[in-house]
Amino acid sequence: MTELVRVLRGLRRATDDPRDAFAHRLRVGLAIAALILFLSFLG
């Protein structure tokens, strides 16, 4: 569980630039969506 928390904290990004924050959230969201799609094909 602590490994998961460490990974999730690494995904956080502290920035004042809204464009950079949006781009980061978009990349993370797309990565999670791709993971869910991949797992749905397996199951």
C-alpha atoms as a PDB file:
ATOM      1  CA  MET A   1       0.000   0.000   0.000  1.00  0.00           C
ATOM      2  CA  THR A   2       2.844   2.387   0.743  1.00  0.00           C
ATOM      3  CA  GLU A   3       4.239   1.696  -2.739  1.00  0.00           C
ATOM      4  CA  LEU A   4       0.941   2.835  -4.254  1.00  0.00           C
ATOM      5  CA  VAL A   5       0.912   5.999  -2.159  1.00  0.00           C
ATOM      6  CA  ARG A   6       4.477   6.774  -3.218  1.00  0.00           C
ATOM      7  CA  VAL A   7       3.609   6.323  -6.888  1.00  0.00           C
ATOM      8  CA  LEU A   8       0.520   8.503  -6.586  1.00  0.00           C
ATOM      9  CA  ARG A   9       2.497  11.248  -4.877  1.00  0.00           C
ATOM     10  CA  GLY A  10       4.959  11.109  -7.746  1.00  0.00           C
ATOM     11  CA  LEU A  11       2.102  11.781 -10.158  1.00  0.00           C
ATOM     12  CA  ARG A  12       1.216  15.011  -8.396  1.00  0.00           C
ATOM     13  CA  ARG A  13       2.648  18.138  -9.922  1.00  0.00           C
ATOM     14  CA  ALA A  14       2.943  21.421  -8.063  1.00  0.00           C
ATOM     15  CA  THR A  15       3.004  24.217 -10.594  1.00  0.00           C
ATOM     16  CA  ASP A  16       1.555  27.686 -10.937  1.00  0.00           C
ATOM     17  CA  ASP A  17       1.183  27.500 -14.705  1.00  0.00           C
ATOM     18  CA  PRO A  18      -2.401  26.423 -15.500  1.00  0.00           C
ATOM     19  CA  ARG A  19      -1.428  25.211 -18.982  1.00  0.00           C
ATOM     20  CA  ASP A  20       1.287  22.949 -17.592  1.00  0.00           C
ATOM     21  CA  ALA A  21      -1.052  21.602 -14.900  1.00  0.00           C
ATOM     22  CA  PHE A  22      -3.760  20.880 -17.481  1.00  0.00           C
ATOM     23  CA  ALA A  23      -1.329  19.099 -19.793  1.00  0.00           C
ATOM     24  CA  HIS A  24      -0.068  16.985 -16.904  1.00  0.00           C
ATOM     25  CA  ARG A  25      -3.592  16.019 -15.833  1.00  0.00           C
ATOM     26  CA  LEU A  26      -4.475  15.188 -19.424  1.00  0.00           C
ATOM     27  CA  ARG A  27      -1.467  12.876 -19.768  1.00  0.00           C
ATOM     28  CA  VAL A  28      -2.237  11.132 -16.478  1.00  0.00           C
ATOM     29  CA  GLY A  29      -5.904  10.771 -17.423  1.00  0.00           C
ATOM     30  CA  LEU A  30      -5.062   9.281 -20.803  1.00  0.00           C
ATOM     31  CA  ALA A  31      -2.620   6.852 -19.211  1.00  0.00           C
ATOM     32  CA  ILE A  32      -5.279   5.694 -16.739  1.00  0.00           C
ATOM     33  CA  ALA A  33      -7.868   5.372 -19.523  1.00  0.00           C
ATOM     34  CA  ALA A  34      -5.440   3.274 -21.576  1.00  0.00           C
ATOM     35  CA  LEU A  35      -4.781   1.053 -18.560  1.00  0.00           C
ATOM     36  CA  ILE A  36      -8.499   0.540 -17.973  1.00  0.00           C
ATOM     37  CA  LEU A  37      -9.035  -0.275 -21.658  1.00  0.00           C
ATOM     38  CA  PHE A  38      -6.162  -2.762 -21.607  1.00  0.00           C
ATOM     39  CA  LEU A  39      -7.502  -4.449 -18.488  1.00  0.00           C
ATOM     40  CA  SER A  40     -10.990  -4.649 -19.964  1.00  0.00           C
ATOM     41  CA  PHE A  41      -9.617  -6.525 -22.963  1.00  0.00           C
ATOM     42  CA  LEU A  42      -7.945  -9.041 -20.661  1.00  0.00           C
ATOM     43  CA  GLY A  43     -11.059  -9.726 -18.598  1.00  0.00           C
END
